[in-house]
């Protein structure tokens, strides 16, 4: 993002500091922000970058993990 001028140097520095401190980086940059996992179905591309699951799968996930469990998102 910094190399393509999507973010400013101050935003880049804040993101890097958050990564180094294992904390949440700024969420209101042009890179995007919060990613949620929620029900509602995955039949269409209807979210704004979130992970959509069927309501049944969402219930199963909710029952299997605690709220605030870290999640790794892979391509």
N, C-alpha and C. Protein backbone atom coordinates (compact mmCIF):
# COMPACT_ATOMS: atom_id res chain seq x y z
N UNK A 1 0.79 -1.19 0.00
CA UNK A 1 0.00 0.00 0.00
C UNK A 1 0.84 1.27 0.00
N UNK A 2 1.94 1.26 0.75
CA UNK A 2 2.79 2.45 0.80
C UNK A 2 3.44 2.70 -0.56
N UNK A 3 3.93 1.64 -1.19
CA UNK A 3 4.60 1.77 -2.47
C UNK A 3 3.71 2.24 -3.60
N UNK A 4 2.41 2.00 -3.46
CA UNK A 4 1.46 2.42 -4.49
C UNK A 4 0.65 3.64 -4.06
N UNK A 5 1.08 4.26 -2.98
CA UNK A 5 0.44 5.48 -2.43
C UNK A 5 -1.00 5.28 -1.96
N UNK A 6 -1.37 4.04 -1.63
CA UNK A 6 -2.69 3.81 -1.05
C UNK A 6 -2.76 4.32 0.38
N UNK A 7 -1.62 4.25 1.07
CA UNK A 7 -1.56 4.74 2.44
C UNK A 7 -0.38 5.69 2.59
N UNK A 8 -0.46 6.51 3.62
CA UNK A 8 0.62 7.45 3.95
C UNK A 8 1.66 6.74 4.81
N UNK A 9 2.83 7.35 4.93
CA UNK A 9 3.91 6.78 5.75
C UNK A 9 3.47 6.64 7.21
N UNK A 10 2.70 7.58 7.73
CA UNK A 10 2.24 7.48 9.12
C UNK A 10 1.32 6.28 9.31
N UNK A 11 0.47 6.00 8.32
CA UNK A 11 -0.40 4.83 8.41
C UNK A 11 0.42 3.54 8.34
N UNK A 12 1.40 3.52 7.44
CA UNK A 12 2.29 2.37 7.33
C UNK A 12 3.00 2.11 8.65
N UNK A 13 3.54 3.16 9.24
CA UNK A 13 4.24 3.01 10.52
C UNK A 13 3.30 2.49 11.61
N UNK A 14 2.07 2.97 11.63
CA UNK A 14 1.10 2.50 12.63
C UNK A 14 0.75 1.04 12.41
N UNK A 15 0.63 0.63 11.16
CA UNK A 15 0.35 -0.78 10.84
C UNK A 15 1.52 -1.65 11.28
N UNK A 16 2.73 -1.25 10.96
CA UNK A 16 3.91 -2.04 11.33
C UNK A 16 4.06 -2.12 12.85
N UNK A 17 3.80 -1.04 13.55
CA UNK A 17 3.88 -1.05 15.02
C UNK A 17 2.85 -2.01 15.60
N UNK A 18 1.66 -2.02 15.03
CA UNK A 18 0.62 -2.94 15.51
C UNK A 18 1.03 -4.38 15.29
N UNK A 19 1.60 -4.67 14.14
CA UNK A 19 2.05 -6.04 13.85
C UNK A 19 3.12 -6.45 14.85
N UNK A 20 4.08 -5.59 15.09
CA UNK A 20 5.16 -5.89 16.02
C UNK A 20 4.66 -6.08 17.45
N UNK A 21 3.57 -5.39 17.81
CA UNK A 21 3.01 -5.47 19.16
C UNK A 21 1.86 -6.46 19.28
N UNK A 22 1.62 -7.22 18.21
CA UNK A 22 0.53 -8.20 18.19
C UNK A 22 -0.80 -7.55 18.56
N UNK A 23 -1.04 -6.35 18.02
CA UNK A 23 -2.28 -5.65 18.29
C UNK A 23 -3.00 -5.35 16.96
N UNK A 24 -4.19 -4.83 17.06
CA UNK A 24 -4.99 -4.57 15.86
C UNK A 24 -4.46 -3.34 15.13
N UNK A 25 -4.21 -3.48 13.84
CA UNK A 25 -3.76 -2.32 13.07
C UNK A 25 -4.92 -1.36 12.81
N UNK A 26 -4.63 -0.16 12.34
CA UNK A 26 -5.69 0.79 12.01
C UNK A 26 -6.69 0.15 11.03
N UNK A 27 -7.97 0.40 11.26
CA UNK A 27 -9.02 -0.23 10.46
C UNK A 27 -9.64 0.69 9.42
N UNK A 28 -9.27 1.94 9.41
CA UNK A 28 -9.90 2.91 8.51
C UNK A 28 -8.91 3.46 7.49
N UNK A 29 -8.14 2.57 6.86
CA UNK A 29 -7.22 3.00 5.82
C UNK A 29 -7.78 2.59 4.46
N UNK A 30 -7.17 3.03 3.41
CA UNK A 30 -7.59 2.65 2.06
C UNK A 30 -7.28 1.19 1.76
N UNK A 31 -6.53 0.52 2.64
CA UNK A 31 -6.26 -0.90 2.46
C UNK A 31 -7.46 -1.75 2.87
N UNK A 32 -8.39 -1.15 3.58
CA UNK A 32 -9.53 -1.90 4.10
C UNK A 32 -9.38 -2.07 5.59
N UNK A 33 -10.28 -2.85 6.16
CA UNK A 33 -10.23 -2.98 7.61
C UNK A 33 -10.86 -4.25 8.09
N UNK A 34 -11.80 -4.08 8.96
CA UNK A 34 -12.41 -5.20 9.67
C UNK A 34 -12.94 -6.27 8.71
N UNK A 35 -12.65 -7.51 9.05
CA UNK A 35 -13.17 -8.66 8.31
C UNK A 35 -13.94 -9.50 9.32
N UNK A 36 -15.20 -9.76 9.02
CA UNK A 36 -16.03 -10.54 9.92
C UNK A 36 -16.33 -11.90 9.30
N UNK A 37 -16.69 -12.83 10.14
CA UNK A 37 -17.19 -14.13 9.72
C UNK A 37 -18.64 -14.17 10.15
N UNK A 38 -19.54 -14.38 9.21
CA UNK A 38 -20.96 -14.37 9.57
C UNK A 38 -21.77 -15.29 8.68
N UNK A 39 -22.97 -15.58 9.13
CA UNK A 39 -23.91 -16.39 8.37
C UNK A 39 -24.57 -15.57 7.28
N UNK A 40 -25.55 -16.17 6.66
CA UNK A 40 -26.26 -15.49 5.59
C UNK A 40 -26.06 -16.17 4.25
N UNK A 41 -25.17 -17.15 4.22
CA UNK A 41 -24.94 -17.91 3.00
C UNK A 41 -23.75 -17.43 2.21
N UNK A 42 -23.16 -18.36 1.47
CA UNK A 42 -22.01 -18.04 0.63
C UNK A 42 -22.34 -18.27 -0.84
N UNK A 43 -23.61 -18.24 -1.17
CA UNK A 43 -24.08 -18.53 -2.53
C UNK A 43 -23.72 -17.44 -3.53
N UNK A 44 -23.55 -16.22 -3.08
CA UNK A 44 -23.21 -15.10 -3.95
C UNK A 44 -22.07 -14.30 -3.32
N UNK A 45 -21.47 -13.43 -4.10
CA UNK A 45 -20.43 -12.53 -3.60
C UNK A 45 -21.13 -11.26 -3.10
N UNK A 46 -21.66 -11.32 -1.89
CA UNK A 46 -22.51 -10.23 -1.39
C UNK A 46 -21.91 -9.44 -0.24
N UNK A 47 -20.76 -9.89 0.28
CA UNK A 47 -20.18 -9.17 1.41
C UNK A 47 -19.22 -8.09 0.90
N UNK A 48 -18.73 -7.29 1.80
CA UNK A 48 -17.73 -6.28 1.46
C UNK A 48 -16.35 -6.73 1.94
N UNK A 49 -16.05 -8.00 1.71
CA UNK A 49 -14.76 -8.55 2.10
C UNK A 49 -14.82 -9.50 3.27
N UNK A 50 -16.00 -9.69 3.85
CA UNK A 50 -16.15 -10.61 4.97
C UNK A 50 -16.16 -12.05 4.48
N UNK A 51 -16.13 -12.96 5.42
CA UNK A 51 -16.26 -14.38 5.12
C UNK A 51 -17.68 -14.78 5.44
N UNK A 52 -18.42 -15.20 4.43
CA UNK A 52 -19.82 -15.60 4.61
C UNK A 52 -19.91 -17.12 4.61
N UNK A 53 -20.73 -17.63 5.51
CA UNK A 53 -20.96 -19.07 5.63
C UNK A 53 -22.46 -19.31 5.69
N UNK A 54 -22.84 -20.55 5.48
CA UNK A 54 -24.26 -20.88 5.68
C UNK A 54 -24.57 -20.69 7.16
N UNK A 55 -25.83 -20.46 7.47
CA UNK A 55 -26.22 -20.27 8.87
C UNK A 55 -25.89 -21.50 9.69
N UNK A 56 -26.07 -22.70 9.13
CA UNK A 56 -25.75 -23.93 9.84
C UNK A 56 -24.27 -24.04 10.16
N UNK A 57 -23.42 -23.74 9.18
CA UNK A 57 -21.98 -23.77 9.42
C UNK A 57 -21.56 -22.70 10.41
N UNK A 58 -22.22 -21.55 10.37
CA UNK A 58 -21.91 -20.48 11.32
C UNK A 58 -22.24 -20.92 12.74
N UNK A 59 -23.39 -21.57 12.93
CA UNK A 59 -23.74 -22.07 14.26
C UNK A 59 -22.72 -23.09 14.75
N UNK A 60 -22.29 -23.97 13.85
CA UNK A 60 -21.30 -24.99 14.21
C UNK A 60 -19.98 -24.34 14.62
N UNK A 61 -19.54 -23.35 13.87
CA UNK A 61 -18.31 -22.64 14.21
C UNK A 61 -18.45 -21.91 15.54
N UNK A 62 -19.56 -21.24 15.74
CA UNK A 62 -19.82 -20.50 16.98
C UNK A 62 -19.75 -21.43 18.19
N UNK A 63 -20.30 -22.63 18.04
CA UNK A 63 -20.28 -23.59 19.15
C UNK A 63 -18.90 -24.20 19.37
N UNK A 64 -18.04 -24.16 18.36
CA UNK A 64 -16.74 -24.83 18.44
C UNK A 64 -15.61 -23.95 18.98
N UNK A 65 -15.73 -22.63 18.85
CA UNK A 65 -14.64 -21.75 19.26
C UNK A 65 -15.16 -20.61 20.13
N UNK A 66 -14.26 -20.01 20.89
CA UNK A 66 -14.62 -18.86 21.72
C UNK A 66 -14.60 -17.59 20.88
N UNK A 67 -15.41 -16.62 21.28
CA UNK A 67 -15.37 -15.30 20.66
C UNK A 67 -13.97 -14.74 20.85
N UNK A 68 -13.45 -14.06 19.87
CA UNK A 68 -12.11 -13.46 19.84
C UNK A 68 -11.00 -14.47 19.59
N UNK A 69 -11.34 -15.68 19.17
CA UNK A 69 -10.32 -16.65 18.78
C UNK A 69 -9.60 -16.12 17.54
N UNK A 70 -8.27 -16.07 17.55
CA UNK A 70 -7.56 -15.61 16.36
C UNK A 70 -7.85 -16.51 15.16
N UNK A 71 -7.95 -15.91 14.00
CA UNK A 71 -8.23 -16.64 12.76
C UNK A 71 -7.19 -16.23 11.73
N UNK A 72 -6.65 -17.21 11.02
CA UNK A 72 -5.72 -16.95 9.93
C UNK A 72 -6.48 -17.13 8.62
N UNK A 73 -6.47 -16.13 7.78
CA UNK A 73 -7.17 -16.18 6.50
C UNK A 73 -6.12 -16.38 5.41
N UNK A 74 -6.26 -17.44 4.67
CA UNK A 74 -5.33 -17.76 3.59
C UNK A 74 -6.02 -17.58 2.25
N UNK A 75 -5.26 -17.25 1.22
CA UNK A 75 -5.88 -17.08 -0.12
C UNK A 75 -6.41 -18.40 -0.66
